[in-house]
Amino acid sequence: MLTLRTTAEPIWLDLTDTGVRVKVPPLDVACMRAAEYRGMKAAAEARVTTGIADDVTANDAQVGVLEGAFTQERIRALAERIVEWEGVVGEDGVPLPITAESLDAFARHPVAGIAFLRAYERPAQAVVAEGNASARSTAGASQAGPNTAAAANSGAEPAPASSTPPKRKPARPAKPQ
């Protein structure tokens, strides 16, 4: 089943294990793709600044740098949509207002940033996991649908047990020069 929101009213997301709640407008395709694009651009910039030639020759640490740049920029792009938050405080314990600086720090936080990304993208990922908005059958991949195949002819000869090698075509004669 596919659940659709018909309003663009912001929703509250509880970020697992952080004590933080954020209020964001519903995620849409354009926003997701824009965040992915910004992530790819950040990874490309990281490749240039670190001198990583390509993913094939990069070691695990270098690939981690590229993936980190991609993910952090995606988080930053989506975090810009936060309209309100609770449980975010500065080093002095005072609640932080939403500013470019505080959003940047939020996106870089290893626990809160990833929790935000997962919570915000969870509805879209659930649809993908279900397979084109169709719930999985509890009885298996094809058990739920009706059988639409015609019955096989019971008098048919079985297929040969061994295969016959393909016949080779005769070689073409060489063209005179």
C-alpha atoms as a PDB file:
ATOM      1  CA  MET A   1       0.000   0.000   0.000  1.00  0.00           C
ATOM      2  CA  LEU A   2       1.227   3.505  -0.795  1.00  0.00           C
ATOM      3  CA  THR A   3       0.434   6.222   1.719  1.00  0.00           C
ATOM      4  CA  LEU A   4       0.345   9.716   0.212  1.00  0.00           C
ATOM      5  CA  ARG A   5       0.368  13.015   2.057  1.00  0.00           C
ATOM      6  CA  THR A   6      -1.923  15.511   0.393  1.00  0.00           C
ATOM      7  CA  THR A   7      -0.672  18.549   2.293  1.00  0.00           C
ATOM      8  CA  ALA A   8       2.698  20.232   2.408  1.00  0.00           C
ATOM      9  CA  GLU A   9       2.429  20.970   6.121  1.00  0.00           C
ATOM     10  CA  PRO A  10       5.746  20.392   7.939  1.00  0.00           C
ATOM     11  CA  ILE A  11       6.069  17.244  10.030  1.00  0.00           C
ATOM     12  CA  TRP A  12       8.053  16.458  13.176  1.00  0.00           C
ATOM     13  CA  LEU A  13      10.763  13.805  13.001  1.00  0.00           C
ATOM     14  CA  ASP A  14      12.144  12.190  16.145  1.00  0.00           C
ATOM     15  CA  LEU A  15      15.828  11.463  15.646  1.00  0.00           C
ATOM     16  CA  THR A  16      16.642   8.093  17.166  1.00  0.00           C
ATOM     17  CA  ASP A  17      18.971   8.105  20.192  1.00  0.00           C
ATOM     18  CA  THR A  18      19.623  11.863  20.058  1.00  0.00           C
ATOM     19  CA  GLY A  19      16.833  13.505  22.064  1.00  0.00           C
ATOM     20  CA  VAL A  20      16.345  15.810  19.072  1.00  0.00           C
ATOM     21  CA  ARG A  21      13.182  16.543  17.111  1.00  0.00           C
ATOM     22  CA  VAL A  22      13.157  18.477  13.855  1.00  0.00           C
ATOM     23  CA  LYS A  23      10.268  19.934  11.900  1.00  0.00           C
ATOM     24  CA  VAL A  24      10.589  19.721   8.113  1.00  0.00           C
ATOM     25  CA  PRO A  25       8.326  19.953   5.076  1.00  0.00           C
ATOM     26  CA  PRO A  26       7.569  16.585   3.460  1.00  0.00           C
ATOM     27  CA  LEU A  27      10.369  15.276   1.279  1.00  0.00           C
ATOM     28  CA  ASP A  28       9.749  15.345  -2.465  1.00  0.00           C
ATOM     29  CA  VAL A  29      11.610  14.043  -5.502  1.00  0.00           C
ATOM     30  CA  ALA A  30      13.061  17.421  -6.478  1.00  0.00           C
ATOM     31  CA  CYS A  31      14.526  17.963  -3.028  1.00  0.00           C
ATOM     32  CA  MET A  32      15.972  14.431  -2.866  1.00  0.00           C
ATOM     33  CA  ARG A  33      17.596  14.785  -6.294  1.00  0.00           C
ATOM     34  CA  ALA A  34      18.965  18.242  -5.472  1.00  0.00           C
ATOM     35  CA  ALA A  35      20.529  16.859  -2.281  1.00  0.00           C
ATOM     36  CA  GLU A  36      22.051  13.954  -4.227  1.00  0.00           C
ATOM     37  CA  TYR A  37      23.443  16.350  -6.821  1.00  0.00           C
ATOM     38  CA  ARG A  38      25.030  18.499  -4.122  1.00  0.00           C
ATOM     39  CA  GLY A  39      26.501  15.344  -2.589  1.00  0.00           C
ATOM     40  CA  MET A  40      27.981  14.235  -5.912  1.00  0.00           C
ATOM     41  CA  LYS A  41      29.426  17.703  -6.452  1.00  0.00           C
ATOM     42  CA  ALA A  42      31.010  17.659  -2.978  1.00  0.00           C
ATOM     43  CA  ALA A  43      32.501  14.212  -3.634  1.00  0.00           C
ATOM     44  CA  ALA A  44      33.935  15.439  -6.964  1.00  0.00           C
ATOM     45  CA  GLU A  45      35.486  18.448  -5.216  1.00  0.00           C
ATOM     46  CA  ALA A  46      36.928  16.167  -2.516  1.00  0.00           C
ATOM     47  CA  ARG A  47      38.427  13.964  -5.243  1.00  0.00           C
ATOM     48  CA  VAL A  48      40.216  16.972  -6.752  1.00  0.00           C
ATOM     49  CA  THR A  49      41.436  18.449  -3.454  1.00  0.00           C
ATOM     50  CA  THR A  50      42.729  15.091  -2.175  1.00  0.00           C
ATOM     51  CA  GLY A  51      44.226  13.988  -5.487  1.00  0.00           C
ATOM     52  CA  ILE A  52      42.251  10.732  -5.669  1.00  0.00           C
ATOM     53  CA  ALA A  53      42.536   9.615  -9.286  1.00  0.00           C
ATOM     54  CA  ASP A  54      39.606   7.171  -9.388  1.00  0.00           C
ATOM     55  CA  ASP A  55      37.634   4.753  -7.233  1.00  0.00           C
ATOM     56  CA  VAL A  56      39.464   1.733  -8.652  1.00  0.00           C
ATOM     57  CA  THR A  57      42.911   2.783  -7.421  1.00  0.00           C
ATOM     58  CA  ALA A  58      41.688   4.529  -4.246  1.00  0.00           C
ATOM     59  CA  ASN A  59      42.298   2.810  -0.935  1.00  0.00           C
ATOM     60  CA  ASP A  60      39.535   2.349   1.670  1.00  0.00           C
ATOM     61  CA  ALA A  61      40.379   5.562   3.511  1.00  0.00           C
ATOM     62  CA  GLN A  62      40.219   7.593   0.291  1.00  0.00           C
ATOM     63  CA  VAL A  63      36.882   6.053  -0.698  1.00  0.00           C
ATOM     64  CA  GLY A  64      35.670   6.873   2.829  1.00  0.00           C
ATOM     65  CA  VAL A  65      36.622  10.514   2.290  1.00  0.00           C
ATOM     66  CA  LEU A  66      34.595  10.635  -0.930  1.00  0.00           C
ATOM     67  CA  GLU A  67      31.577   8.873   0.583  1.00  0.00           C
ATOM     68  CA  GLY A  68      31.791  11.106   3.657  1.00  0.00           C
ATOM     69  CA  ALA A  69      31.801  14.252   1.525  1.00  0.00           C
ATOM     70  CA  PHE A  70      28.814  12.935  -0.455  1.00  0.00           C
ATOM     71  CA  THR A  71      26.778  12.022   2.636  1.00  0.00           C
ATOM     72  CA  GLN A  72      27.616  15.131   4.645  1.00  0.00           C
ATOM     73  CA  GLU A  73      26.601  17.442   1.805  1.00  0.00           C
ATOM     74  CA  ARG A  74      23.342  15.528   1.325  1.00  0.00           C
ATOM     75  CA  ILE A  75      22.627  15.973   5.030  1.00  0.00           C
ATOM     76  CA  ARG A  76      23.503  19.660   4.817  1.00  0.00           C
ATOM     77  CA  ALA A  77      21.206  20.161   1.803  1.00  0.00           C
ATOM     78  CA  LEU A  78      18.273  18.448   3.519  1.00  0.00           C
ATOM     79  CA  ALA A  79      18.963  20.159   6.860  1.00  0.00           C
ATOM     80  CA  GLU A  80      18.420  23.520   5.177  1.00  0.00           C
ATOM     81  CA  ARG A  81      14.738  22.543   5.078  1.00  0.00           C
ATOM     82  CA  ILE A  82      14.493  22.359   8.897  1.00  0.00           C
ATOM     83  CA  VAL A  83      12.015  25.008  10.053  1.00  0.00           C
ATOM     84  CA  GLU A  84      12.121  24.250  13.773  1.00  0.00           C
ATOM     85  CA  TRP A  85      14.003  22.001  16.165  1.00  0.00           C
ATOM     86  CA  GLU A  86      13.999  20.888  19.764  1.00  0.00           C
ATOM     87  CA  GLY A  87      16.867  19.482  21.806  1.00  0.00           C
ATOM     88  CA  VAL A  88      19.685  21.250  19.954  1.00  0.00           C
ATOM     89  CA  VAL A  89      21.876  23.286  22.285  1.00  0.00           C
ATOM     90  CA  GLY A  90      25.237  25.018  22.093  1.00  0.00           C
ATOM     91  CA  GLU A  91      28.288  24.276  24.207  1.00  0.00           C
ATOM     92  CA  ASP A  92      26.852  26.571  26.887  1.00  0.00           C
ATOM     93  CA  GLY A  93      23.653  24.490  27.102  1.00  0.00           C
ATOM     94  CA  VAL A  94      21.491  27.261  25.626  1.00  0.00           C
ATOM     95  CA  PRO A  95      19.099  26.221  22.810  1.00  0.00           C
ATOM     96  CA  LEU A  96      20.529  27.141  19.419  1.00  0.00           C
ATOM     97  CA  PRO A  97      18.525  29.069  16.859  1.00  0.00           C
ATOM     98  CA  ILE A  98      18.450  27.716  13.317  1.00  0.00           C
ATOM     99  CA  THR A  99      21.223  29.511  11.464  1.00  0.00           C
ATOM    100  CA  ALA A 100      23.557  28.579   8.613  1.00  0.00           C
ATOM    101  CA  GLU A 101      26.299  27.964  11.185  1.00  0.00           C
ATOM    102  CA  SER A 102      24.172  25.768  13.476  1.00  0.00           C
ATOM    103  CA  LEU A 103      22.796  23.791  10.499  1.00  0.00           C
ATOM    104  CA  ASP A 104      26.354  23.197   9.299  1.00  0.00           C
ATOM    105  CA  ALA A 105      27.383  21.933  12.760  1.00  0.00           C
ATOM    106  CA  PHE A 106      24.248  19.766  12.872  1.00  0.00           C
ATOM    107  CA  ALA A 107      25.050  18.236   9.464  1.00  0.00           C
ATOM    108  CA  ARG A 108      28.631  17.445  10.567  1.00  0.00           C
ATOM    109  CA  HIS A 109      27.531  15.748  13.812  1.00  0.00           C
ATOM    110  CA  PRO A 110      28.163  12.023  13.256  1.00  0.00           C
ATOM    111  CA  VAL A 111      25.096  10.791  15.166  1.00  0.00           C
ATOM    112  CA  ALA A 112      22.512  13.530  14.671  1.00  0.00           C
ATOM    113  CA  GLY A 113      23.312  14.083  10.989  1.00  0.00           C
ATOM    114  CA  ILE A 114      22.958  10.421  10.035  1.00  0.00           C
ATOM    115  CA  ALA A 115      19.847  10.007  12.246  1.00  0.00           C
ATOM    116  CA  PHE A 116      18.280  13.008  10.486  1.00  0.00           C
ATOM    117  CA  LEU A 117      19.104  11.652   7.022  1.00  0.00           C
ATOM    118  CA  ARG A 118      17.617   8.242   7.840  1.00  0.00           C
ATOM    119  CA  ALA A 119      14.476   9.651   9.460  1.00  0.00           C
ATOM    120  CA  TYR A 120      13.811  12.129   6.656  1.00  0.00           C
ATOM    121  CA  GLU A 121      14.345   9.603   3.860  1.00  0.00           C
ATOM    122  CA  ARG A 122      12.618   6.686   5.645  1.00  0.00           C
ATOM    123  CA  PRO A 123       9.191   7.100   3.938  1.00  0.00           C
ATOM    124  CA  ALA A 124      10.780   7.156   0.468  1.00  0.00           C
ATOM    125  CA  GLN A 125      13.034   4.201   1.295  1.00  0.00           C
ATOM    126  CA  ALA A 126      10.033   2.216   2.563  1.00  0.00           C
ATOM    127  CA  VAL A 127       8.321   2.564  -0.827  1.00  0.00           C
ATOM    128  CA  VAL A 128      11.493   1.397  -2.583  1.00  0.00           C
ATOM    129  CA  ALA A 129      11.798  -1.582  -0.223  1.00  0.00           C
ATOM    130  CA  GLU A 130       8.190  -2.573  -0.936  1.00  0.00           C
ATOM    131  CA  GLY A 131       8.900  -2.663  -4.661  1.00  0.00           C
ATOM    132  CA  ASN A 132       7.095  -0.008  -6.674  1.00  0.00           C
ATOM    133  CA  ALA A 133       4.597   0.657  -3.901  1.00  0.00           C
ATOM    134  CA  SER A 134       3.370  -2.952  -3.873  1.00  0.00           C
ATOM    135  CA  ALA A 135       3.441  -4.788  -0.586  1.00  0.00           C
ATOM    136  CA  ARG A 136       5.258  -8.101  -0.552  1.00  0.00           C
ATOM    137  CA  SER A 137       3.229 -11.281  -0.507  1.00  0.00           C
ATOM    138  CA  THR A 138       3.372 -13.127   2.798  1.00  0.00           C
ATOM    139  CA  ALA A 139       3.254 -16.414   0.876  1.00  0.00           C
ATOM    140  CA  GLY A 140       6.268 -15.704  -1.335  1.00  0.00           C
ATOM    141  CA  ALA A 141       7.110 -13.798  -4.491  1.00  0.00           C
ATOM    142  CA  SER A 142       4.436 -15.274  -6.781  1.00  0.00           C
ATOM    143  CA  GLN A 143       2.049 -17.045  -4.435  1.00  0.00           C
ATOM    144  CA  ALA A 144      -0.460 -14.208  -4.097  1.00  0.00           C
ATOM    145  CA  GLY A 145      -1.330 -13.763  -7.770  1.00  0.00           C
ATOM    146  CA  PRO A 146      -3.541 -16.009  -9.868  1.00  0.00           C
ATOM    147  CA  ASN A 147      -1.935 -18.599 -12.144  1.00  0.00           C
ATOM    148  CA  THR A 148      -2.133 -17.153 -15.660  1.00  0.00           C
ATOM    149  CA  ALA A 149       0.047 -19.712 -17.466  1.00  0.00           C
ATOM    150  CA  ALA A 150      -1.585 -22.315 -19.662  1.00  0.00           C
ATOM    151  CA  ALA A 151      -1.139 -25.921 -18.643  1.00  0.00           C
ATOM    152  CA  ALA A 152       1.740 -27.730 -20.354  1.00  0.00           C
ATOM    153  CA  ASN A 153       0.938 -30.430 -22.935  1.00  0.00           C
ATOM    154  CA  SER A 154       1.392 -33.709 -21.081  1.00  0.00           C
ATOM    155  CA  GLY A 155       2.145 -35.629 -24.297  1.00  0.00           C
ATOM    156  CA  ALA A 156       5.146 -33.495 -25.249  1.00  0.00           C
ATOM    157  CA  GLU A 157       8.572 -35.043 -25.662  1.00  0.00           C
ATOM    158  CA  PRO A 158      11.043 -34.151 -22.886  1.00  0.00           C
ATOM    159  CA  ALA A 159      14.035 -32.013 -23.760  1.00  0.00           C
ATOM    160  CA  PRO A 160      17.270 -33.926 -24.545  1.00  0.00           C
ATOM    161  CA  ALA A 161      19.447 -34.653 -21.529  1.00  0.00           C
ATOM    162  CA  SER A 162      22.630 -33.433 -23.232  1.00  0.00           C
ATOM    163  CA  SER A 163      23.070 -30.549 -25.583  1.00  0.00           C
ATOM    164  CA  THR A 164      24.338 -30.845 -29.121  1.00  0.00           C
ATOM    165  CA  PRO A 165      27.218 -28.554 -30.055  1.00  0.00           C
ATOM    166  CA  PRO A 166      26.210 -25.846 -32.523  1.00  0.00           C
ATOM    167  CA  LYS A 167      26.955 -26.515 -36.196  1.00  0.00           C
ATOM    168  CA  ARG A 168      29.737 -24.387 -37.577  1.00  0.00           C
ATOM    169  CA  LYS A 169      29.151 -22.382 -40.703  1.00  0.00           C
ATOM    170  CA  PRO A 170      31.617 -23.086 -43.487  1.00  0.00           C
ATOM    171  CA  ALA A 171      34.396 -20.537 -43.787  1.00  0.00           C
ATOM    172  CA  ARG A 172      33.966 -17.972 -46.531  1.00  0.00           C
ATOM    173  CA  PRO A 173      36.506 -18.155 -49.306  1.00  0.00           C
ATOM    174  CA  ALA A 174      39.037 -15.321 -49.343  1.00  0.00           C
ATOM    175  CA  LYS A 175      38.280 -12.492 -51.742  1.00  0.00           C
ATOM    176  CA  PRO A 176      40.764 -12.098 -54.557  1.00  0.00           C
ATOM    177  CA  GLN A 177      42.809  -8.925 -54.323  1.00  0.00           C
END
